[in-house]
Amino acid sequence: MAVFGKGNHGIVTPNMTAGIRGTGTFTLVKDSKTYFCTCYGHTEVGAHSKTKNLKATHHNMIWITKDKIYNTTEMQNHNDDELRSLEAMVGRVVPFDK
C-alpha cells in the first residue's frame, strides 16, 4: 500500500506496470497473479500489450493474470483506515473523507 503526491510515479510487478499520479494504491502479488487497487485517483496499468486506465474516488480493483486483466469487486488485504493513516503521516486527508 502506498500514497503518492503530485508527479509521476510507478509500480512494477512481474506481470504489470502501473503509472501513478497523485493517488493511493494497493498491490499484491500472489501465485503469479497481481491484484491492483486504485484506492483513489488515477492510474494507468500496462499488461499484455494493453493499457487500462483506472479512476477511482473509492477503490477500483483488478487482477492481472498471465493472459488477461479483469475487474473484481472483492477488496484484498487493505482497508480505508490504513489509507487514512498513511495520508496522515504526510499531512494529508484521503479524498473520500473530504
PDB file of N, CA and C in Angstrom:
ATOM      1  N   MET A   1       0.850  -1.160   0.000  1.00  0.00           N
ATOM      2  CA  MET A   1       0.000   0.000   0.000  1.00  0.00           C
ATOM      3  C   MET A   1       0.893   1.219   0.000  1.00  0.00           C
ATOM      4  N   ALA A   2       0.494   2.219  -0.775  1.00  0.00           N
ATOM      5  CA  ALA A   2       1.272   3.453  -0.830  1.00  0.00           C
ATOM      6  C   ALA A   2       0.365   4.612  -1.215  1.00  0.00           C
ATOM      7  N   VAL A   3       0.735   5.787  -0.765  1.00  0.00           N
ATOM      8  CA  VAL A   3       0.065   7.020  -1.183  1.00  0.00           C
ATOM      9  C   VAL A   3       1.111   7.894  -1.852  1.00  0.00           C
ATOM     10  N   PHE A   4       0.727   8.540  -2.933  1.00  0.00           N
ATOM     11  CA  PHE A   4       1.655   9.326  -3.724  1.00  0.00           C
ATOM     12  C   PHE A   4       1.151  10.753  -3.872  1.00  0.00           C
ATOM     13  N   GLY A   5       2.074  11.702  -3.812  1.00  0.00           N
ATOM     14  CA  GLY A   5       1.745  13.092  -4.075  1.00  0.00           C
ATOM     15  C   GLY A   5       1.787  13.357  -5.562  1.00  0.00           C
ATOM     16  N   LYS A   6       1.809  14.623  -5.913  1.00  0.00           N
ATOM     17  CA  LYS A   6       1.835  15.005  -7.324  1.00  0.00           C
ATOM     18  C   LYS A   6       3.111  14.523  -7.990  1.00  0.00           C
ATOM     19  N   GLY A   7       3.052  14.402  -9.294  1.00  0.00           N
ATOM     20  CA  GLY A   7       4.200  13.924 -10.057  1.00  0.00           C
ATOM     21  C   GLY A   7       3.957  12.532 -10.580  1.00  0.00           C
ATOM     22  N   ASN A   8       4.890  12.047 -11.362  1.00  0.00           N
ATOM     23  CA  ASN A   8       4.772  10.721 -11.966  1.00  0.00           C
ATOM     24  C   ASN A   8       5.533   9.695 -11.132  1.00  0.00           C
ATOM     25  N   HIS A   9       4.857   8.623 -10.800  1.00  0.00           N
ATOM     26  CA  HIS A   9       5.434   7.537 -10.013  1.00  0.00           C
ATOM     27  C   HIS A   9       5.053   6.228 -10.680  1.00  0.00           C
ATOM     28  N   GLY A  10       5.613   5.122 -10.226  1.00  0.00           N
ATOM     29  CA  GLY A  10       5.267   3.853 -10.835  1.00  0.00           C
ATOM     30  C   GLY A  10       5.469   2.670  -9.913  1.00  0.00           C
ATOM     31  N   ILE A  11       4.777   1.587 -10.254  1.00  0.00           N
ATOM     32  CA  ILE A  11       4.909   0.301  -9.571  1.00  0.00           C
ATOM     33  C   ILE A  11       5.086  -0.747 -10.662  1.00  0.00           C
ATOM     34  N   VAL A  12       6.022  -1.669 -10.459  1.00  0.00           N
ATOM     35  CA  VAL A  12       6.262  -2.741 -11.417  1.00  0.00           C
ATOM     36  C   VAL A  12       6.183  -4.076 -10.684  1.00  0.00           C
ATOM     37  N   THR A  13       5.424  -5.018 -11.263  1.00  0.00           N
ATOM     38  CA  THR A  13       5.381  -6.387 -10.766  1.00  0.00           C
ATOM     39  C   THR A  13       5.778  -7.298 -11.930  1.00  0.00           C
ATOM     40  N   PRO A  14       5.905  -8.602 -11.698  1.00  0.00           N
ATOM     41  CA  PRO A  14       6.294  -9.477 -12.804  1.00  0.00           C
ATOM     42  C   PRO A  14       5.362  -9.438 -14.025  1.00  0.00           C
ATOM     43  N   ASN A  15       4.088  -9.067 -13.849  1.00  0.00           N
ATOM     44  CA  ASN A  15       3.186  -9.093 -14.995  1.00  0.00           C
ATOM     45  C   ASN A  15       2.431  -7.784 -15.262  1.00  0.00           C
ATOM     46  N   MET A  16       2.857  -6.670 -14.674  1.00  0.00           N
ATOM     47  CA  MET A  16       2.226  -5.394 -14.982  1.00  0.00           C
ATOM     48  C   MET A  16       3.115  -4.226 -14.576  1.00  0.00           C
ATOM     49  N   THR A  17       2.815  -3.086 -15.172  1.00  0.00           N
ATOM     50  CA  THR A  17       3.450  -1.818 -14.806  1.00  0.00           C
ATOM     51  C   THR A  17       2.330  -0.817 -14.593  1.00  0.00           C
ATOM     52  N   ALA A  18       2.401  -0.032 -13.522  1.00  0.00           N
ATOM     53  CA  ALA A  18       1.366   0.970 -13.260  1.00  0.00           C
ATOM     54  C   ALA A  18       2.004   2.345 -13.173  1.00  0.00           C
ATOM     55  N   GLY A  19       1.458   3.276 -13.932  1.00  0.00           N
ATOM     56  CA  GLY A  19       1.830   4.673 -13.827  1.00  0.00           C
ATOM     57  C   GLY A  19       0.874   5.347 -12.863  1.00  0.00           C
ATOM     58  N   ILE A  20       1.418   6.107 -11.936  1.00  0.00           N
ATOM     59  CA  ILE A  20       0.620   6.646 -10.838  1.00  0.00           C
ATOM     60  C   ILE A  20       0.790   8.147 -10.772  1.00  0.00           C
ATOM     61  N   ARG A  21      -0.320   8.846 -10.579  1.00  0.00           N
ATOM     62  CA  ARG A  21      -0.307  10.304 -10.484  1.00  0.00           C
ATOM     63  C   ARG A  21      -1.157  10.748  -9.298  1.00  0.00           C
ATOM     64  N   GLY A  22      -0.537  11.061  -8.187  1.00  0.00           N
ATOM     65  CA  GLY A  22      -1.247  11.594  -7.024  1.00  0.00           C
ATOM     66  C   GLY A  22      -2.408  10.737  -6.569  1.00  0.00           C
ATOM     67  N   THR A  23      -2.121   9.560  -6.094  1.00  0.00           N
ATOM     68  CA  THR A  23      -3.185   8.619  -5.750  1.00  0.00           C
ATOM     69  C   THR A  23      -2.766   7.697  -4.610  1.00  0.00           C
ATOM     70  N   GLY A  24      -3.683   6.875  -4.173  1.00  0.00           N
ATOM     71  CA  GLY A  24      -3.397   5.820  -3.215  1.00  0.00           C
ATOM     72  C   GLY A  24      -3.603   4.485  -3.896  1.00  0.00           C
ATOM     73  N   THR A  25      -2.696   3.548  -3.672  1.00  0.00           N
ATOM     74  CA  THR A  25      -2.794   2.238  -4.325  1.00  0.00           C
ATOM     75  C   THR A  25      -2.465   1.116  -3.348  1.00  0.00           C
ATOM     76  N   PHE A  26      -2.896  -0.073  -3.726  1.00  0.00           N
ATOM     77  CA  PHE A  26      -2.507  -1.286  -3.016  1.00  0.00           C
ATOM     78  C   PHE A  26      -2.170  -2.335  -4.071  1.00  0.00           C
ATOM     79  N   THR A  27      -1.050  -3.031  -3.876  1.00  0.00           N
ATOM     80  CA  THR A  27      -0.603  -4.059  -4.816  1.00  0.00           C
ATOM     81  C   THR A  27      -0.286  -5.336  -4.056  1.00  0.00           C
ATOM     82  N   LEU A  28      -0.736  -6.460  -4.606  1.00  0.00           N
ATOM     83  CA  LEU A  28      -0.471  -7.769  -4.018  1.00  0.00           C
ATOM     84  C   LEU A  28      -0.090  -8.717  -5.148  1.00  0.00           C
ATOM     85  N   VAL A  29       1.049  -9.373  -5.029  1.00  0.00           N
ATOM     86  CA  VAL A  29       1.454 -10.392  -5.998  1.00  0.00           C
ATOM     87  C   VAL A  29       1.324 -11.740  -5.306  1.00  0.00           C
ATOM     88  N   LYS A  30       0.550 -12.627  -5.938  1.00  0.00           N
ATOM     89  CA  LYS A  30       0.272 -13.921  -5.315  1.00  0.00           C
ATOM     90  C   LYS A  30       0.036 -14.963  -6.407  1.00  0.00           C
ATOM     91  N   ASP A  31       0.736 -16.079  -6.329  1.00  0.00           N
ATOM     92  CA  ASP A  31       0.532 -17.193  -7.269  1.00  0.00           C
ATOM     93  C   ASP A  31       0.562 -16.737  -8.731  1.00  0.00           C
ATOM     94  N   SER A  32       1.570 -15.959  -9.097  1.00  0.00           N
ATOM     95  CA  SER A  32       1.761 -15.474 -10.475  1.00  0.00           C
ATOM     96  C   SER A  32       0.685 -14.507 -10.947  1.00  0.00           C
ATOM     97  N   LYS A  33      -0.122 -13.994 -10.024  1.00  0.00           N
ATOM     98  CA  LYS A  33      -1.145 -13.009 -10.359  1.00  0.00           C
ATOM     99  C   LYS A  33      -0.841 -11.725  -9.595  1.00  0.00           C
ATOM    100  N   THR A  34      -1.314 -10.612 -10.125  1.00  0.00           N
ATOM    101  CA  THR A  34      -1.191  -9.333  -9.433  1.00  0.00           C
ATOM    102  C   THR A  34      -2.582  -8.776  -9.180  1.00  0.00           C
ATOM    103  N   TYR A  35      -2.839  -8.447  -7.917  1.00  0.00           N
ATOM    104  CA  TYR A  35      -4.049  -7.717  -7.540  1.00  0.00           C
ATOM    105  C   TYR A  35      -3.628  -6.263  -7.418  1.00  0.00           C
ATOM    106  N   PHE A  36      -4.352  -5.356  -8.045  1.00  0.00           N
ATOM    107  CA  PHE A  36      -4.002  -3.943  -8.004  1.00  0.00           C
ATOM    108  C   PHE A  36      -5.265  -3.129  -7.759  1.00  0.00           C
ATOM    109  N   CYS A  37      -5.201  -2.282  -6.752  1.00  0.00           N
ATOM    110  CA  CYS A  37      -6.330  -1.417  -6.411  1.00  0.00           C
ATOM    111  C   CYS A  37      -5.901   0.035  -6.540  1.00  0.00           C
ATOM    112  N   THR A  38      -6.638   0.780  -7.345  1.00  0.00           N
ATOM    113  CA  THR A  38      -6.533   2.234  -7.334  1.00  0.00           C
ATOM    114  C   THR A  38      -7.527   2.659  -6.271  1.00  0.00           C
ATOM    115  N   CYS A  39      -7.024   2.987  -5.101  1.00  0.00           N
ATOM    116  CA  CYS A  39      -7.897   3.298  -3.973  1.00  0.00           C
ATOM    117  C   CYS A  39      -8.601   4.640  -4.172  1.00  0.00           C
ATOM    118  N   TYR A  40      -7.907   5.576  -4.781  1.00  0.00           N
ATOM    119  CA  TYR A  40      -8.473   6.856  -5.218  1.00  0.00           C
ATOM    120  C   TYR A  40      -7.486   7.481  -6.174  1.00  0.00           C
ATOM    121  N   GLY A  41      -7.969   8.315  -7.074  1.00  0.00           N
ATOM    122  CA  GLY A  41      -7.097   8.965  -8.035  1.00  0.00           C
ATOM    123  C   GLY A  41      -7.096   8.266  -9.373  1.00  0.00           C
ATOM    124  N   HIS A  42      -5.956   8.366 -10.077  1.00  0.00           N
ATOM    125  CA  HIS A  42      -5.854   7.863 -11.451  1.00  0.00           C
ATOM    126  C   HIS A  42      -4.572   7.064 -11.620  1.00  0.00           C
ATOM    127  N   THR A  43      -4.708   5.894 -12.229  1.00  0.00           N
ATOM    128  CA  THR A  43      -3.548   5.082 -12.586  1.00  0.00           C
ATOM    129  C   THR A  43      -3.715   4.581 -14.014  1.00  0.00           C
ATOM    130  N   GLU A  44      -2.600   4.227 -14.599  1.00  0.00           N
ATOM    131  CA  GLU A  44      -2.594   3.628 -15.934  1.00  0.00           C
ATOM    132  C   GLU A  44      -1.822   2.326 -15.829  1.00  0.00           C
ATOM    133  N   VAL A  45      -2.512   1.209 -16.040  1.00  0.00           N
ATOM    134  CA  VAL A  45      -1.914  -0.111 -15.868  1.00  0.00           C
ATOM    135  C   VAL A  45      -1.614  -0.713 -17.237  1.00  0.00           C
ATOM    136  N   GLY A  46      -0.391  -1.168 -17.411  1.00  0.00           N
ATOM    137  CA  GLY A  46       0.007  -1.834 -18.641  1.00  0.00           C
ATOM    138  C   GLY A  46       0.286  -3.300 -18.382  1.00  0.00           C
ATOM    139  N   ALA A  47      -0.338  -4.149 -19.195  1.00  0.00           N
ATOM    140  CA  ALA A  47      -0.109  -5.602 -19.108  1.00  0.00           C
ATOM    141  C   ALA A  47      -0.589  -6.232 -20.405  1.00  0.00           C
ATOM    142  N   HIS A  48       0.125  -7.252 -20.876  1.00  0.00           N
ATOM    143  CA  HIS A  48      -0.281  -7.993 -22.076  1.00  0.00           C
ATOM    144  C   HIS A  48      -0.435  -7.074 -23.287  1.00  0.00           C
ATOM    145  N   SER A  49       0.467  -6.115 -23.428  1.00  0.00           N
ATOM    146  CA  SER A  49       0.453  -5.159 -24.550  1.00  0.00           C
ATOM    147  C   SER A  49      -0.821  -4.318 -24.596  1.00  0.00           C
ATOM    148  N   LYS A  50      -1.492  -4.193 -23.464  1.00  0.00           N
ATOM    149  CA  LYS A  50      -2.699  -3.376 -23.356  1.00  0.00           C
ATOM    150  C   LYS A  50      -2.514  -2.373 -22.220  1.00  0.00           C
ATOM    151  N   THR A  51      -3.271  -1.300 -22.290  1.00  0.00           N
ATOM    152  CA  THR A  51      -3.257  -0.305 -21.228  1.00  0.00           C
ATOM    153  C   THR A  51      -4.674  -0.139 -20.709  1.00  0.00           C
ATOM    154  N   LYS A  52      -4.797  -0.111 -19.394  1.00  0.00           N
ATOM    155  CA  LYS A  52      -6.099   0.088 -18.762  1.00  0.00           C
ATOM    156  C   LYS A  52      -5.988   1.300 -17.847  1.00  0.00           C
ATOM    157  N   ASN A  53      -6.850   2.298 -18.073  1.00  0.00           N
ATOM    158  CA  ASN A  53      -6.893   3.476 -17.211  1.00  0.00           C
ATOM    159  C   ASN A  53      -7.904   3.231 -16.101  1.00  0.00           C
ATOM    160  N   LEU A  54      -7.450   3.420 -14.874  1.00  0.00           N
ATOM    161  CA  LEU A  54      -8.330   3.230 -13.723  1.00  0.00           C
ATOM    162  C   LEU A  54      -8.489   4.554 -12.997  1.00  0.00           C
ATOM    163  N   LYS A  55      -9.719   4.950 -12.776  1.00  0.00           N
ATOM    164  CA  LYS A  55     -10.016   6.129 -11.975  1.00  0.00           C
ATOM    165  C   LYS A  55     -10.912   5.688 -10.836  1.00  0.00           C
ATOM    166  N   ALA A  56     -10.668   6.272  -9.670  1.00  0.00           N
ATOM    167  CA  ALA A  56     -11.468   5.873  -8.520  1.00  0.00           C
ATOM    168  C   ALA A  56     -11.617   7.027  -7.546  1.00  0.00           C
ATOM    169  N   THR A  57     -12.786   7.130  -6.980  1.00  0.00           N
ATOM    170  CA  THR A  57     -12.972   8.005  -5.825  1.00  0.00           C
ATOM    171  C   THR A  57     -12.922   7.157  -4.559  1.00  0.00           C
ATOM    172  N   HIS A  58     -13.194   5.842  -4.717  1.00  0.00           N
ATOM    173  CA  HIS A  58     -13.171   4.947  -3.561  1.00  0.00           C
ATOM    174  C   HIS A  58     -13.057   3.497  -4.030  1.00  0.00           C
ATOM    175  N   HIS A  59     -11.889   3.091  -4.458  1.00  0.00           N
ATOM    176  CA  HIS A  59     -11.488   1.727  -4.806  1.00  0.00           C
ATOM    177  C   HIS A  59     -11.997   1.235  -6.165  1.00  0.00           C
ATOM    178  N   ASN A  60     -11.045   0.951  -7.032  1.00  0.00           N
ATOM    179  CA  ASN A  60     -11.277   0.332  -8.333  1.00  0.00           C
ATOM    180  C   ASN A  60     -10.226  -0.767  -8.452  1.00  0.00           C
ATOM    181  N   MET A  61     -10.658  -2.032  -8.442  1.00  0.00           N
ATOM    182  CA  MET A  61      -9.743  -3.157  -8.283  1.00  0.00           C
ATOM    183  C   MET A  61      -9.716  -4.056  -9.505  1.00  0.00           C
ATOM    184  N   ILE A  62      -8.519  -4.574  -9.807  1.00  0.00           N
ATOM    185  CA  ILE A  62      -8.354  -5.518 -10.908  1.00  0.00           C
ATOM    186  C   ILE A  62      -7.397  -6.632 -10.497  1.00  0.00           C
ATOM    187  N   TRP A  63      -7.480  -7.742 -11.206  1.00  0.00           N
ATOM    188  CA  TRP A  63      -6.492  -8.819 -11.151  1.00  0.00           C
ATOM    189  C   TRP A  63      -5.833  -8.895 -12.512  1.00  0.00           C
ATOM    190  N   ILE A  64      -4.538  -9.133 -12.524  1.00  0.00           N
ATOM    191  CA  ILE A  64      -3.800  -9.360 -13.748  1.00  0.00           C
ATOM    192  C   ILE A  64      -3.241 -10.779 -13.660  1.00  0.00           C
ATOM    193  N   THR A  65      -3.615 -11.623 -14.612  1.00  0.00           N
ATOM    194  CA  THR A  65      -3.117 -12.987 -14.660  1.00  0.00           C
ATOM    195  C   THR A  65      -2.121 -13.091 -15.806  1.00  0.00           C
ATOM    196  N   LYS A  66      -1.661 -14.292 -16.094  1.00  0.00           N
ATOM    197  CA  LYS A  66      -0.672 -14.457 -17.163  1.00  0.00           C
ATOM    198  C   LYS A  66      -1.237 -14.115 -18.536  1.00  0.00           C
ATOM    199  N   ASP A  67      -2.569 -14.097 -18.680  1.00  0.00           N
ATOM    200  CA  ASP A  67      -3.114 -13.813 -20.003  1.00  0.00           C
ATOM    201  C   ASP A  67      -4.266 -12.815 -20.063  1.00  0.00           C
ATOM    202  N   LYS A  68      -4.682 -12.248 -18.932  1.00  0.00           N
ATOM    203  CA  LYS A  68      -5.765 -11.275 -19.003  1.00  0.00           C
ATOM    204  C   LYS A  68      -5.777 -10.331 -17.806  1.00  0.00           C
ATOM    205  N   ILE A  69      -6.579  -9.274 -17.959  1.00  0.00           N
ATOM    206  CA  ILE A  69      -6.846  -8.302 -16.892  1.00  0.00           C
ATOM    207  C   ILE A  69      -8.349  -8.348 -16.662  1.00  0.00           C
ATOM    208  N   TYR A  70      -8.768  -8.501 -15.414  1.00  0.00           N
ATOM    209  CA  TYR A  70     -10.208  -8.485 -15.167  1.00  0.00           C
ATOM    210  C   TYR A  70     -10.537  -7.724 -13.889  1.00  0.00           C
ATOM    211  N   ASN A  71     -11.716  -7.116 -13.890  1.00  0.00           N
ATOM    212  CA  ASN A  71     -12.204  -6.351 -12.741  1.00  0.00           C
ATOM    213  C   ASN A  71     -12.653  -7.296 -11.648  1.00  0.00           C
ATOM    214  N   THR A  72     -12.594  -6.808 -10.419  1.00  0.00           N
ATOM    215  CA  THR A  72     -13.108  -7.563  -9.278  1.00  0.00           C
ATOM    216  C   THR A  72     -13.797  -6.595  -8.331  1.00  0.00           C
ATOM    217  N   THR A  73     -14.696  -7.104  -7.537  1.00  0.00           N
ATOM    218  CA  THR A  73     -15.364  -6.275  -6.527  1.00  0.00           C
ATOM    219  C   THR A  73     -14.909  -6.641  -5.116  1.00  0.00           C
ATOM    220  N   GLU A  74     -14.032  -7.634  -5.023  1.00  0.00           N
ATOM    221  CA  GLU A  74     -13.560  -8.083  -3.712  1.00  0.00           C
ATOM    222  C   GLU A  74     -12.256  -7.385  -3.335  1.00  0.00           C
ATOM    223  N   MET A  75     -12.305  -6.586  -2.290  1.00  0.00           N
ATOM    224  CA  MET A  75     -11.115  -5.880  -1.820  1.00  0.00           C
ATOM    225  C   MET A  75     -10.225  -6.868  -1.060  1.00  0.00           C
ATOM    226  N   GLN A  76      -8.935  -6.861  -1.359  1.00  0.00           N
ATOM    227  CA  GLN A  76      -7.981  -7.807  -0.779  1.00  0.00           C
ATOM    228  C   GLN A  76      -7.021  -7.107   0.187  1.00  0.00           C
ATOM    229  N   ASN A  77      -6.977  -7.531   1.425  1.00  0.00           N
ATOM    230  CA  ASN A  77      -5.900  -7.231   2.381  1.00  0.00           C
ATOM    231  C   ASN A  77      -5.584  -5.762   2.631  1.00  0.00           C
ATOM    232  N   HIS A  78      -6.522  -4.863   2.467  1.00  0.00           N
ATOM    233  CA  HIS A  78      -6.293  -3.464   2.839  1.00  0.00           C
ATOM    234  C   HIS A  78      -7.629  -2.816   3.181  1.00  0.00           C
ATOM    235  N   ASN A  79      -7.548  -1.688   3.896  1.00  0.00           N
ATOM    236  CA  ASN A  79      -8.788  -1.018   4.287  1.00  0.00           C
ATOM    237  C   ASN A  79      -8.589   0.495   4.345  1.00  0.00           C
ATOM    238  N   ASP A  80      -9.688   1.197   4.489  1.00  0.00           N
ATOM    239  CA  ASP A  80      -9.662   2.657   4.478  1.00  0.00           C
ATOM    240  C   ASP A  80      -8.873   3.249   5.643  1.00  0.00           C
ATOM    241  N   ASP A  81      -8.919   2.618   6.799  1.00  0.00           N
ATOM    242  CA  ASP A  81      -8.172   3.154   7.950  1.00  0.00           C
ATOM    243  C   ASP A  81      -6.667   3.145   7.697  1.00  0.00           C
ATOM    244  N   GLU A  82      -6.164   2.137   6.993  1.00  0.00           N
ATOM    245  CA  GLU A  82      -4.738   2.111   6.646  1.00  0.00           C
ATOM    246  C   GLU A  82      -4.384   3.260   5.706  1.00  0.00           C
ATOM    247  N   LEU A  83      -5.253   3.534   4.749  1.00  0.00           N
ATOM    248  CA  LEU A  83      -5.026   4.673   3.852  1.00  0.00           C
ATOM    249  C   LEU A  83      -5.043   5.988   4.624  1.00  0.00           C
ATOM    250  N   ARG A  84      -5.994   6.120   5.539  1.00  0.00           N
ATOM    251  CA  ARG A  84      -6.057   7.333   6.363  1.00  0.00           C
ATOM    252  C   ARG A  84      -4.763   7.531   7.153  1.00  0.00           C
ATOM    253  N   SER A  85      -4.253   6.450   7.715  1.00  0.00           N
ATOM    254  CA  SER A  85      -3.000   6.541   8.498  1.00  0.00           C
ATOM    255  C   SER A  85      -1.827   6.968   7.630  1.00  0.00           C
ATOM    256  N   LEU A  86      -1.699   6.382   6.459  1.00  0.00           N
ATOM    257  CA  LEU A  86      -0.600   6.760   5.560  1.00  0.00           C
ATOM    258  C   LEU A  86      -0.700   8.223   5.137  1.00  0.00           C
ATOM    259  N   GLU A  87      -1.879   8.660   4.749  1.00  0.00           N
ATOM    260  CA  GLU A  87      -2.043  10.061   4.351  1.00  0.00           C
ATOM    261  C   GLU A  87      -1.756  10.998   5.525  1.00  0.00           C
ATOM    262  N   ALA A  88      -2.175  10.633   6.721  1.00  0.00           N
ATOM    263  CA  ALA A  88      -1.908  11.466   7.898  1.00  0.00           C
ATOM    264  C   ALA A  88      -0.409  11.618   8.140  1.00  0.00           C
ATOM    265  N   MET A  89       0.372  10.582   7.837  1.00  0.00           N
ATOM    266  CA  MET A  89       1.824  10.645   8.029  1.00  0.00           C
ATOM    267  C   MET A  89       2.475  11.712   7.154  1.00  0.00           C
ATOM    268  N   VAL A  90       1.840  12.037   6.028  1.00  0.00           N
ATOM    269  CA  VAL A  90       2.395  13.064   5.137  1.00  0.00           C
ATOM    270  C   VAL A  90       1.539  14.339   5.151  1.00  0.00           C
ATOM    271  N   GLY A  91       0.696  14.461   6.183  1.00  0.00           N
ATOM    272  CA  GLY A  91      -0.066  15.688   6.388  1.00  0.00           C
ATOM    273  C   GLY A  91      -1.243  15.894   5.449  1.00  0.00           C
ATOM    274  N   ARG A  92      -1.820  14.803   4.959  1.00  0.00           N
ATOM    275  CA  ARG A  92      -2.958  14.916   4.051  1.00  0.00           C
ATOM    276  C   ARG A  92      -4.133  14.104   4.577  1.00  0.00           C
ATOM    277  N   VAL A  93      -5.287  14.289   3.931  1.00  0.00           N
ATOM    278  CA  VAL A  93      -6.508  13.550   4.242  1.00  0.00           C
ATOM    279  C   VAL A  93      -6.928  12.800   2.983  1.00  0.00           C
ATOM    280  N   VAL A  94      -7.398  11.579   3.135  1.00  0.00           N
ATOM    281  CA  VAL A  94      -7.874  10.832   1.961  1.00  0.00           C
ATOM    282  C   VAL A  94      -9.020  11.592   1.303  1.00  0.00           C
ATOM    283  N   PRO A  95      -9.058  11.624  -0.011  1.00  0.00           N
ATOM    284  CA  PRO A  95     -10.092  12.403  -0.706  1.00  0.00           C
ATOM    285  C   PRO A  95     -11.526  11.971  -0.370  1.00  0.00           C
ATOM    286  N   PHE A  96     -11.745  10.677  -0.097  1.00  0.00           N
ATOM    287  CA  PHE A  96     -13.108  10.224   0.165  1.00  0.00           C
ATOM    288  C   PHE A  96     -13.622  10.658   1.539  1.00  0.00           C
ATOM    289  N   ASP A  97     -12.778  11.271   2.382  1.00  0.00           N
ATOM    290  CA  ASP A  97     -13.217  11.813   3.670  1.00  0.00           C
ATOM    291  C   ASP A  97     -13.430  13.332   3.618  1.00  0.00           C
ATOM    292  N   LYS A  98     -13.146  13.942   2.472  1.00  0.00           N
ATOM    293  CA  LYS A  98     -13.284  15.399   2.393  1.00  0.00           C
ATOM    294  C   LYS A  98     -14.727  15.802   2.187  1.00  0.00           C
TER     295      LYS A  98
END
